All heavy atoms as atom14 arrays in JSON, in Angstrom:
{
  "sequence": "VLVMVLYLMMKMMVDRASFGISLMKIFGFNDREVRRLYLDGNFFTV",
  "atom14_mask": [
    [1, 1, 1, 1, 1, 1, 1, 0, 0, 0, 0, 0, 0, 0],
    [1, 1, 1, 1, 1, 1, 1, 1, 0, 0, 0, 0, 0, 0],
    [1, 1, 1, 1, 1, 1, 1, 0, 0, 0, 0, 0, 0, 0],
    [1, 1, 1, 1, 1, 1, 1, 1, 0, 0, 0, 0, 0, 0],
    [1, 1, 1, 1, 1, 1, 1, 0, 0, 0, 0, 0, 0, 0],
    [1, 1, 1, 1, 1, 1, 1, 1, 0, 0, 0, 0, 0, 0],
    [1, 1, 1, 1, 1, 1, 1, 1, 1, 1, 1, 1, 0, 0],
    [1, 1, 1, 1, 1, 1, 1, 1, 0, 0, 0, 0, 0, 0],
    [1, 1, 1, 1, 1, 1, 1, 1, 0, 0, 0, 0, 0, 0],
    [1, 1, 1, 1, 1, 1, 1, 1, 0, 0, 0, 0, 0, 0],
    [1, 1, 1, 1, 1, 1, 1, 1, 1, 0, 0, 0, 0, 0],
    [1, 1, 1, 1, 1, 1, 1, 1, 0, 0, 0, 0, 0, 0],
    [1, 1, 1, 1, 1, 1, 1, 1, 0, 0, 0, 0, 0, 0],
    [1, 1, 1, 1, 1, 1, 1, 0, 0, 0, 0, 0, 0, 0],
    [1, 1, 1, 1, 1, 1, 1, 1, 0, 0, 0, 0, 0, 0],
    [1, 1, 1, 1, 1, 1, 1, 1, 1, 1, 1, 0, 0, 0],
    [1, 1, 1, 1, 1, 0, 0, 0, 0, 0, 0, 0, 0, 0],
    [1, 1, 1, 1, 1, 1, 0, 0, 0, 0, 0, 0, 0, 0],
    [1, 1, 1, 1, 1, 1, 1, 1, 1, 1, 1, 0, 0, 0],
    [1, 1, 1, 1, 0, 0, 0, 0, 0, 0, 0, 0, 0, 0],
    [1, 1, 1, 1, 1, 1, 1, 1, 0, 0, 0, 0, 0, 0],
    [1, 1, 1, 1, 1, 1, 0, 0, 0, 0, 0, 0, 0, 0],
    [1, 1, 1, 1, 1, 1, 1, 1, 0, 0, 0, 0, 0, 0],
    [1, 1, 1, 1, 1, 1, 1, 1, 0, 0, 0, 0, 0, 0],
    [1, 1, 1, 1, 1, 1, 1, 1, 1, 0, 0, 0, 0, 0],
    [1, 1, 1, 1, 1, 1, 1, 1, 0, 0, 0, 0, 0, 0],
    [1, 1, 1, 1, 1, 1, 1, 1, 1, 1, 1, 0, 0, 0],
    [1, 1, 1, 1, 0, 0, 0, 0, 0, 0, 0, 0, 0, 0],
    [1, 1, 1, 1, 1, 1, 1, 1, 1, 1, 1, 0, 0, 0],
    [1, 1, 1, 1, 1, 1, 1, 1, 0, 0, 0, 0, 0, 0],
    [1, 1, 1, 1, 1, 1, 1, 1, 0, 0, 0, 0, 0, 0],
    [1, 1, 1, 1, 1, 1, 1, 1, 1, 1, 1, 0, 0, 0],
    [1, 1, 1, 1, 1, 1, 1, 1, 1, 0, 0, 0, 0, 0],
    [1, 1, 1, 1, 1, 1, 1, 0, 0, 0, 0, 0, 0, 0],
    [1, 1, 1, 1, 1, 1, 1, 1, 1, 1, 1, 0, 0, 0],
    [1, 1, 1, 1, 1, 1, 1, 1, 1, 1, 1, 0, 0, 0],
    [1, 1, 1, 1, 1, 1, 1, 1, 0, 0, 0, 0, 0, 0],
    [1, 1, 1, 1, 1, 1, 1, 1, 1, 1, 1, 1, 0, 0],
    [1, 1, 1, 1, 1, 1, 1, 1, 0, 0, 0, 0, 0, 0],
    [1, 1, 1, 1, 1, 1, 1, 1, 0, 0, 0, 0, 0, 0],
    [1, 1, 1, 1, 0, 0, 0, 0, 0, 0, 0, 0, 0, 0],
    [1, 1, 1, 1, 1, 1, 1, 1, 0, 0, 0, 0, 0, 0],
    [1, 1, 1, 1, 1, 1, 1, 1, 1, 1, 1, 0, 0, 0],
    [1, 1, 1, 1, 1, 1, 1, 1, 1, 1, 1, 0, 0, 0],
    [1, 1, 1, 1, 1, 1, 1, 0, 0, 0, 0, 0, 0, 0],
    [1, 1, 1, 1, 1, 1, 1, 0, 0, 0, 0, 0, 0, 0]
  ],
  "atom14_positions": [
    [[-21.96, 19.64, -17.44], [-22.24, 18.33, -16.85], [-20.98, 17.7, -16.31], [-20.93, 17.16, -15.19], [-22.93, 17.42, -17.88], [-22.93, 15.96, -17.41], [-24.35, 17.87, -18.16], [0.0, 0.0, 0.0], [0.0, 0.0, 0.0], [0.0, 0.0, 0.0], [0.0, 0.0, 0.0], [0.0, 0.0, 0.0], [0.0, 0.0, 0.0], [0.0, 0.0, 0.0]],
    [[-19.91, 17.74, -17.11], [-18.64, 17.14, -16.7], [-18.1, 17.8, -15.42], [-17.7, 17.11, -14.47], [-17.62, 17.24, -17.81], [-16.24, 16.64, -17.54], [-16.34, 15.16, -17.24], [-15.29, 16.89, -18.69], [0.0, 0.0, 0.0], [0.0, 0.0, 0.0], [0.0, 0.0, 0.0], [0.0, 0.0, 0.0], [0.0, 0.0, 0.0], [0.0, 0.0, 0.0]],
    [[-18.1, 19.13, -15.38], [-17.57, 19.85, -14.22], [-18.41, 19.53, -12.97], [-17.88, 19.27, -11.89], [-17.55, 21.36, -14.5], [-17.23, 22.14, -13.22], [-16.53, 21.69, -15.58], [0.0, 0.0, 0.0], [0.0, 0.0, 0.0], [0.0, 0.0, 0.0], [0.0, 0.0, 0.0], [0.0, 0.0, 0.0], [0.0, 0.0, 0.0], [0.0, 0.0, 0.0]],
    [[-19.75, 19.51, -13.13], [-20.61, 19.26, -11.98], [-20.43, 17.86, -11.43], [-20.34, 17.67, -10.21], [-22.07, 19.47, -12.39], [-22.45, 20.93, -12.6], [-24.18, 21.12, -13.11], [-25.03, 20.43, -11.67], [0.0, 0.0, 0.0], [0.0, 0.0, 0.0], [0.0, 0.0, 0.0], [0.0, 0.0, 0.0], [0.0, 0.0, 0.0], [0.0, 0.0, 0.0]],
    [[-20.36, 16.87, -12.34], [-20.2, 15.5, -11.89], [-18.88, 15.3, -11.18], [-18.8, 14.72, -10.08], [-20.34, 14.51, -13.07], [-19.91, 13.11, -12.66], [-21.76, 14.48, -13.57], [0.0, 0.0, 0.0], [0.0, 0.0, 0.0], [0.0, 0.0, 0.0], [0.0, 0.0, 0.0], [0.0, 0.0, 0.0], [0.0, 0.0, 0.0], [0.0, 0.0, 0.0]],
    [[-17.81, 15.82, -11.75], [-16.49, 15.68, -11.13], [-16.47, 16.36, -9.76], [-15.97, 15.8, -8.79], [-15.41, 16.27, -12.03], [-15.08, 15.47, -13.31], [-14.04, 16.22, -14.16], [-14.53, 14.1, -12.96], [0.0, 0.0, 0.0], [0.0, 0.0, 0.0], [0.0, 0.0, 0.0], [0.0, 0.0, 0.0], [0.0, 0.0, 0.0], [0.0, 0.0, 0.0]],
    [[-17.01, 17.59, -9.71], [-17.0, 18.31, -8.43], [-17.79, 17.59, -7.35], [-17.32, 17.38, -6.23], [-17.55, 19.72, -8.64], [-17.7, 20.49, -7.33], [-16.59, 21.05, -6.71], [-18.94, 20.61, -6.73], [-16.72, 21.73, -5.51], [-19.1, 21.29, -5.52], [-17.97, 21.84, -4.93], [-18.1, 22.49, -3.72], [0.0, 0.0, 0.0], [0.0, 0.0, 0.0]],
    [[-19.01, 17.17, -7.69], [-19.87, 16.53, -6.69], [-19.31, 15.2, -6.22], [-19.35, 14.89, -5.02], [-21.27, 16.34, -7.27], [-22.08, 17.61, -7.52], [-23.36, 17.31, -8.26], [-22.4, 18.32, -6.21], [0.0, 0.0, 0.0], [0.0, 0.0, 0.0], [0.0, 0.0, 0.0], [0.0, 0.0, 0.0], [0.0, 0.0, 0.0], [0.0, 0.0, 0.0]],
    [[-18.8, 14.41, -7.17], [-18.26, 13.1, -6.78], [-16.99, 13.25, -5.94], [-16.79, 12.53, -4.97], [-17.97, 12.26, -8.04], [-19.19, 11.82, -8.82], [-20.27, 10.72, -7.86], [-21.6, 11.81, -7.45], [0.0, 0.0, 0.0], [0.0, 0.0, 0.0], [0.0, 0.0, 0.0], [0.0, 0.0, 0.0], [0.0, 0.0, 0.0], [0.0, 0.0, 0.0]],
    [[-16.11, 14.17, -6.33], [-14.87, 14.36, -5.56], [-15.2, 14.88, -4.16], [-14.59, 14.49, -3.17], [-13.95, 15.35, -6.27], [-13.45, 14.88, -7.63], [-12.55, 13.32, -7.53], [-12.43, 12.93, -9.27], [0.0, 0.0, 0.0], [0.0, 0.0, 0.0], [0.0, 0.0, 0.0], [0.0, 0.0, 0.0], [0.0, 0.0, 0.0], [0.0, 0.0, 0.0]],
    [[-16.19, 15.78, -4.1], [-16.58, 16.31, -2.79], [-17.11, 15.19, -1.89], [-16.81, 15.14, -0.71], [-17.66, 17.39, -2.98], [-18.09, 18.05, -1.68], [-19.11, 19.13, -1.94], [-19.5, 19.83, -0.66], [-20.04, 18.95, 0.38], [0.0, 0.0, 0.0], [0.0, 0.0, 0.0], [0.0, 0.0, 0.0], [0.0, 0.0, 0.0], [0.0, 0.0, 0.0]],
    [[-17.9, 14.29, -2.49], [-18.44, 13.18, -1.72], [-17.31, 12.26, -1.24], [-17.32, 11.78, -0.09], [-19.44, 12.4, -2.55], [-20.22, 11.36, -1.74], [-21.39, 10.44, -2.75], [-20.27, 9.38, -3.64], [0.0, 0.0, 0.0], [0.0, 0.0, 0.0], [0.0, 0.0, 0.0], [0.0, 0.0, 0.0], [0.0, 0.0, 0.0], [0.0, 0.0, 0.0]],
    [[-16.34, 12.01, -2.1], [-15.2, 11.17, -1.71], [-14.44, 11.78, -0.53], [-14.05, 11.08, 0.42], [-14.25, 10.97, -2.89], [-14.78, 10.1, -4.03], [-13.55, 9.97, -5.35], [-14.5, 9.05, -6.57], [0.0, 0.0, 0.0], [0.0, 0.0, 0.0], [0.0, 0.0, 0.0], [0.0, 0.0, 0.0], [0.0, 0.0, 0.0], [0.0, 0.0, 0.0]],
    [[-14.21, 13.1, -0.62], [-13.49, 13.78, 0.46], [-14.29, 13.74, 1.76], [-13.74, 13.51, 2.85], [-13.16, 15.22, 0.04], [-12.59, 16.0, 1.24], [-12.16, 15.23, -1.09], [0.0, 0.0, 0.0], [0.0, 0.0, 0.0], [0.0, 0.0, 0.0], [0.0, 0.0, 0.0], [0.0, 0.0, 0.0], [0.0, 0.0, 0.0], [0.0, 0.0, 0.0]],
    [[-15.61, 13.94, 1.66], [-16.46, 13.89, 2.84], [-16.39, 12.52, 3.52], [-16.3, 12.42, 4.74], [-17.91, 14.2, 2.47], [-18.11, 15.67, 2.13], [-17.22, 16.48, 2.46], [-19.15, 16.0, 1.53], [0.0, 0.0, 0.0], [0.0, 0.0, 0.0], [0.0, 0.0, 0.0], [0.0, 0.0, 0.0], [0.0, 0.0, 0.0], [0.0, 0.0, 0.0]],
    [[-16.43, 11.48, 2.69], [-16.37, 10.11, 3.26], [-15.02, 9.83, 3.88], [-14.93, 9.01, 4.81], [-16.66, 9.1, 2.15], [-18.12, 9.07, 1.72], [-18.31, 8.27, 0.45], [-18.0, 6.87, 0.65], [-18.88, 5.92, 0.94], [-20.17, 6.25, 1.09], [-18.53, 4.66, 1.08], [0.0, 0.0, 0.0], [0.0, 0.0, 0.0], [0.0, 0.0, 0.0]],
    [[-13.98, 10.47, 3.37], [-12.62, 10.21, 3.87], [-12.17, 11.27, 4.88], [-10.99, 11.34, 5.21], [-11.65, 10.18, 2.7], [0.0, 0.0, 0.0], [0.0, 0.0, 0.0], [0.0, 0.0, 0.0], [0.0, 0.0, 0.0], [0.0, 0.0, 0.0], [0.0, 0.0, 0.0], [0.0, 0.0, 0.0], [0.0, 0.0, 0.0], [0.0, 0.0, 0.0]],
    [[-13.1, 12.07, 5.38], [-12.71, 13.21, 6.22], [-11.98, 12.75, 7.51], [-11.03, 13.4, 7.96], [-13.95, 14.04, 6.59], [-14.89, 13.23, 7.25], [0.0, 0.0, 0.0], [0.0, 0.0, 0.0], [0.0, 0.0, 0.0], [0.0, 0.0, 0.0], [0.0, 0.0, 0.0], [0.0, 0.0, 0.0], [0.0, 0.0, 0.0], [0.0, 0.0, 0.0]],
    [[-12.44, 11.62, 8.1], [-11.77, 11.15, 9.32], [-10.31, 10.75, 9.03], [-9.4, 11.1, 9.77], [-12.54, 9.97, 9.9], [-11.95, 9.45, 11.18], [-12.08, 10.14, 12.36], [-11.25, 8.24, 11.19], [-11.53, 9.66, 13.54], [-10.68, 7.76, 12.37], [-10.82, 8.46, 13.53], [0.0, 0.0, 0.0], [0.0, 0.0, 0.0], [0.0, 0.0, 0.0]],
    [[-10.12, 10.01, 7.9], [-8.78, 9.61, 7.54], [-7.89, 10.79, 7.2], [-6.7, 10.83, 7.56], [0.0, 0.0, 0.0], [0.0, 0.0, 0.0], [0.0, 0.0, 0.0], [0.0, 0.0, 0.0], [0.0, 0.0, 0.0], [0.0, 0.0, 0.0], [0.0, 0.0, 0.0], [0.0, 0.0, 0.0], [0.0, 0.0, 0.0], [0.0, 0.0, 0.0]],
    [[-8.47, 11.8, 6.55], [-7.68, 13.0, 6.21], [-7.27, 13.74, 7.48], [-6.13, 14.23, 7.59], [-8.52, 13.93, 5.27], [-8.69, 13.25, 3.91], [-7.86, 15.28, 5.11], [-9.64, 13.98, 2.98], [0.0, 0.0, 0.0], [0.0, 0.0, 0.0], [0.0, 0.0, 0.0], [0.0, 0.0, 0.0], [0.0, 0.0, 0.0], [0.0, 0.0, 0.0]],
    [[-8.16, 13.78, 8.47], [-7.84, 14.43, 9.75], [-6.66, 13.71, 10.42], [-5.73, 14.37, 10.93], [-9.06, 14.41, 10.67], [-10.13, 15.11, 10.09], [0.0, 0.0, 0.0], [0.0, 0.0, 0.0], [0.0, 0.0, 0.0], [0.0, 0.0, 0.0], [0.0, 0.0, 0.0], [0.0, 0.0, 0.0], [0.0, 0.0, 0.0], [0.0, 0.0, 0.0]],
    [[-6.68, 12.38, 10.4], [-5.58, 11.63, 10.99], [-4.27, 11.91, 10.25], [-3.21, 12.04, 10.86], [-5.89, 10.13, 10.97], [-6.98, 9.63, 11.92], [-7.19, 8.14, 11.75], [-6.6, 9.95, 13.36], [0.0, 0.0, 0.0], [0.0, 0.0, 0.0], [0.0, 0.0, 0.0], [0.0, 0.0, 0.0], [0.0, 0.0, 0.0], [0.0, 0.0, 0.0]],
    [[-4.35, 11.96, 8.92], [-3.17, 12.26, 8.12], [-2.53, 13.58, 8.53], [-1.31, 13.71, 8.66], [-3.51, 12.29, 6.62], [-3.8, 10.93, 6.02], [-2.28, 10.01, 5.77], [-2.92, 8.57, 4.9], [0.0, 0.0, 0.0], [0.0, 0.0, 0.0], [0.0, 0.0, 0.0], [0.0, 0.0, 0.0], [0.0, 0.0, 0.0], [0.0, 0.0, 0.0]],
    [[-3.38, 14.58, 8.72], [-2.87, 15.9, 9.1], [-2.28, 15.89, 10.51], [-1.3, 16.57, 10.81], [-4.0, 16.92, 8.97], [-4.4, 17.18, 7.54], [-5.13, 18.49, 7.38], [-5.3, 18.83, 5.91], [-5.82, 20.19, 5.72], [0.0, 0.0, 0.0], [0.0, 0.0, 0.0], [0.0, 0.0, 0.0], [0.0, 0.0, 0.0], [0.0, 0.0, 0.0]],
    [[-2.91, 15.1, 11.4], [-2.35, 14.98, 12.76], [-0.97, 14.36, 12.73], [-0.05, 14.73, 13.47], [-3.31, 14.14, 13.64], [-4.59, 14.91, 13.93], [-2.63, 13.73, 14.95], [-5.66, 14.11, 14.62], [0.0, 0.0, 0.0], [0.0, 0.0, 0.0], [0.0, 0.0, 0.0], [0.0, 0.0, 0.0], [0.0, 0.0, 0.0], [0.0, 0.0, 0.0]],
    [[-0.78, 13.4, 11.78], [0.52, 12.74, 11.65], [1.55, 13.56, 10.88], [2.66, 13.09, 10.62], [0.37, 11.38, 10.98], [-0.42, 10.39, 11.81], [-1.27, 9.47, 11.2], [-0.26, 10.35, 13.19], [-1.97, 8.55, 11.97], [-0.96, 9.44, 13.96], [-1.83, 8.54, 13.35], [0.0, 0.0, 0.0], [0.0, 0.0, 0.0], [0.0, 0.0, 0.0]],
    [[1.18, 14.78, 10.48], [2.16, 15.68, 9.88], [2.13, 15.77, 8.37], [2.99, 16.44, 7.79], [0.0, 0.0, 0.0], [0.0, 0.0, 0.0], [0.0, 0.0, 0.0], [0.0, 0.0, 0.0], [0.0, 0.0, 0.0], [0.0, 0.0, 0.0], [0.0, 0.0, 0.0], [0.0, 0.0, 0.0], [0.0, 0.0, 0.0], [0.0, 0.0, 0.0]],
    [[1.21, 15.11, 7.71], [1.11, 15.23, 6.26], [0.59, 16.63, 5.91], [-0.38, 17.12, 6.49], [0.13, 14.19, 5.69], [0.7, 12.78, 5.69], [0.66, 12.01, 6.85], [1.24, 12.24, 4.54], [1.18, 10.73, 6.86], [1.75, 10.96, 4.54], [1.72, 10.19, 5.7], [0.0, 0.0, 0.0], [0.0, 0.0, 0.0], [0.0, 0.0, 0.0]],
    [[1.22, 17.28, 4.92], [0.75, 18.59, 4.5], [-0.35, 18.46, 3.44], [-0.65, 17.36, 2.98], [1.91, 19.46, 3.99], [2.65, 18.82, 2.83], [2.05, 18.18, 1.98], [3.97, 19.0, 2.8], [0.0, 0.0, 0.0], [0.0, 0.0, 0.0], [0.0, 0.0, 0.0], [0.0, 0.0, 0.0], [0.0, 0.0, 0.0], [0.0, 0.0, 0.0]],
    [[-0.9, 19.6, 3.03], [-2.04, 19.58, 2.07], [-1.64, 18.93, 0.75], [-2.45, 18.19, 0.15], [-2.52, 21.02, 1.82], [-3.29, 21.58, 3.01], [-3.59, 20.79, 3.93], [-3.57, 22.79, 3.02], [0.0, 0.0, 0.0], [0.0, 0.0, 0.0], [0.0, 0.0, 0.0], [0.0, 0.0, 0.0], [0.0, 0.0, 0.0], [0.0, 0.0, 0.0]],
    [[-0.45, 19.22, 0.3], [-0.02, 18.64, -1.0], [0.06, 17.13, -0.92], [-0.36, 16.42, -1.84], [1.34, 19.23, -1.35], [1.86, 18.75, -2.71], [3.02, 19.65, -3.16], [3.59, 19.12, -4.4], [4.75, 18.52, -4.48], [5.51, 18.38, -3.41], [5.21, 18.08, -5.64], [0.0, 0.0, 0.0], [0.0, 0.0, 0.0], [0.0, 0.0, 0.0]],
    [[0.56, 16.6, 0.18], [0.68, 15.14, 0.34], [-0.71, 14.5, 0.49], [-0.95, 13.41, -0.04], [1.56, 14.83, 1.56], [3.03, 15.2, 1.33], [3.84, 15.15, 2.62], [3.27, 15.45, 3.7], [5.04, 14.81, 2.55], [0.0, 0.0, 0.0], [0.0, 0.0, 0.0], [0.0, 0.0, 0.0], [0.0, 0.0, 0.0], [0.0, 0.0, 0.0]],
    [[-1.59, 15.16, 1.21], [-2.95, 14.62, 1.37], [-3.66, 14.59, 0.02], [-4.34, 13.62, -0.33], [-3.75, 15.47, 2.38], [-5.22, 15.06, 2.37], [-3.17, 15.29, 3.78], [0.0, 0.0, 0.0], [0.0, 0.0, 0.0], [0.0, 0.0, 0.0], [0.0, 0.0, 0.0], [0.0, 0.0, 0.0], [0.0, 0.0, 0.0], [0.0, 0.0, 0.0]],
    [[-3.48, 15.67, -0.75], [-4.11, 15.71, -2.08], [-3.54, 14.6, -2.97], [-4.28, 13.96, -3.72], [-3.88, 17.07, -2.71], [-4.59, 17.22, -4.06], [-4.49, 18.63, -4.61], [-3.12, 18.97, -4.97], [-2.39, 19.88, -4.33], [-2.89, 20.54, -3.31], [-1.16, 20.15, -4.71], [0.0, 0.0, 0.0], [0.0, 0.0, 0.0], [0.0, 0.0, 0.0]],
    [[-2.26, 14.38, -2.85], [-1.64, 13.31, -3.67], [-2.22, 11.96, -3.33], [-2.4, 11.11, -4.21], [-0.12, 13.34, -3.4], [0.68, 12.41, -4.29], [2.14, 12.49, -3.92], [2.93, 11.52, -4.66], [4.12, 11.07, -4.27], [4.65, 11.5, -3.15], [4.76, 10.19, -5.0], [0.0, 0.0, 0.0], [0.0, 0.0, 0.0], [0.0, 0.0, 0.0]],
    [[-2.54, 11.73, -2.07], [-3.05, 10.42, -1.65], [-4.54, 10.27, -1.99], [-4.95, 9.21, -2.45], [-2.85, 10.25, -0.13], [-1.39, 10.08, 0.34], [-1.34, 10.14, 1.85], [-0.83, 8.76, -0.17], [0.0, 0.0, 0.0], [0.0, 0.0, 0.0], [0.0, 0.0, 0.0], [0.0, 0.0, 0.0], [0.0, 0.0, 0.0], [0.0, 0.0, 0.0]],
    [[-5.31, 11.31, -1.75], [-6.77, 11.15, -1.84], [-7.39, 11.63, -3.17], [-8.45, 11.17, -3.55], [-7.44, 11.91, -0.69], [-7.35, 11.17, 0.63], [-6.32, 11.42, 1.52], [-8.31, 10.22, 0.96], [-6.23, 10.74, 2.72], [-8.23, 9.53, 2.17], [-7.19, 9.79, 3.04], [-7.11, 9.1, 4.22], [0.0, 0.0, 0.0], [0.0, 0.0, 0.0]],
    [[-6.74, 12.58, -3.82], [-7.36, 13.15, -5.02], [-6.61, 12.82, -6.31], [-7.24, 12.57, -7.33], [-7.48, 14.67, -4.88], [-8.51, 15.18, -3.9], [-8.54, 16.71, -3.9], [-9.89, 14.63, -4.21], [0.0, 0.0, 0.0], [0.0, 0.0, 0.0], [0.0, 0.0, 0.0], [0.0, 0.0, 0.0], [0.0, 0.0, 0.0], [0.0, 0.0, 0.0]],
    [[-5.28, 12.86, -6.26], [-4.52, 12.71, -7.51], [-4.74, 11.34, -8.17], [-4.61, 11.21, -9.38], [-3.04, 12.93, -7.26], [-2.71, 14.4, -7.01], [-3.68, 15.22, -7.02], [-1.55, 14.76, -6.78], [0.0, 0.0, 0.0], [0.0, 0.0, 0.0], [0.0, 0.0, 0.0], [0.0, 0.0, 0.0], [0.0, 0.0, 0.0], [0.0, 0.0, 0.0]],
    [[-5.07, 10.34, -7.36], [-5.32, 9.04, -7.93], [-6.52, 9.02, -8.88], [-6.6, 8.18, -9.78], [0.0, 0.0, 0.0], [0.0, 0.0, 0.0], [0.0, 0.0, 0.0], [0.0, 0.0, 0.0], [0.0, 0.0, 0.0], [0.0, 0.0, 0.0], [0.0, 0.0, 0.0], [0.0, 0.0, 0.0], [0.0, 0.0, 0.0], [0.0, 0.0, 0.0]],
    [[-7.44, 9.95, -8.67], [-8.6, 10.02, -9.55], [-8.26, 10.49, -10.97], [-9.07, 10.34, -11.87], [-9.65, 10.96, -8.94], [-10.24, 10.41, -7.66], [-10.9, 9.38, -7.68], [-9.98, 11.06, -6.55], [0.0, 0.0, 0.0], [0.0, 0.0, 0.0], [0.0, 0.0, 0.0], [0.0, 0.0, 0.0], [0.0, 0.0, 0.0], [0.0, 0.0, 0.0]],
    [[-7.06, 11.09, -11.11], [-6.63, 11.47, -12.47], [-6.65, 10.24, -13.39], [-7.06, 10.33, -14.55], [-5.22, 12.07, -12.4], [-4.58, 12.2, -13.76], [-4.88, 13.27, -14.58], [-3.68, 11.26, -14.2], [-4.29, 13.4, -15.83], [-3.08, 11.36, -15.45], [-3.39, 12.44, -16.26], [0.0, 0.0, 0.0], [0.0, 0.0, 0.0], [0.0, 0.0, 0.0]],
    [[-6.19, 9.1, -12.89], [-6.12, 7.91, -13.72], [-7.53, 7.38, -14.03], [-7.77, 6.88, -15.13], [-5.28, 6.83, -13.02], [-3.86, 7.26, -12.77], [-3.47, 7.69, -11.51], [-2.93, 7.27, -13.8], [-2.16, 8.09, -11.26], [-1.64, 7.67, -13.56], [-1.24, 8.09, -12.31], [0.0, 0.0, 0.0], [0.0, 0.0, 0.0], [0.0, 0.0, 0.0]],
    [[-8.44, 7.53, -13.06], [-9.84, 7.15, -13.32], [-10.43, 7.98, -14.47], [-11.05, 7.45, -15.39], [-10.7, 7.34, -12.06], [-10.14, 6.58, -11.0], [-12.14, 6.94, -12.3], [0.0, 0.0, 0.0], [0.0, 0.0, 0.0], [0.0, 0.0, 0.0], [0.0, 0.0, 0.0], [0.0, 0.0, 0.0], [0.0, 0.0, 0.0], [0.0, 0.0, 0.0]],
    [[-10.19, 9.29, -14.4], [-10.7, 10.2, -15.42], [-10.03, 9.91, -16.77], [-10.69, 9.89, -17.81], [-10.49, 11.67, -15.0], [-10.89, 12.62, -16.12], [-11.29, 11.98, -13.76], [0.0, 0.0, 0.0], [0.0, 0.0, 0.0], [0.0, 0.0, 0.0], [0.0, 0.0, 0.0], [0.0, 0.0, 0.0], [0.0, 0.0, 0.0], [0.0, 0.0, 0.0]]
  ]
}
């Protein structure tokens, strides 16, 4: 249950932020920096 909820919710967050993530990559942010901005903050929520 925990794995499924985390996966589905994170996937939904990324889908909603897909336009912003695309802009970040256009501006030169690499995958690690994008993850730090969009995903790593959820560590504190968890």
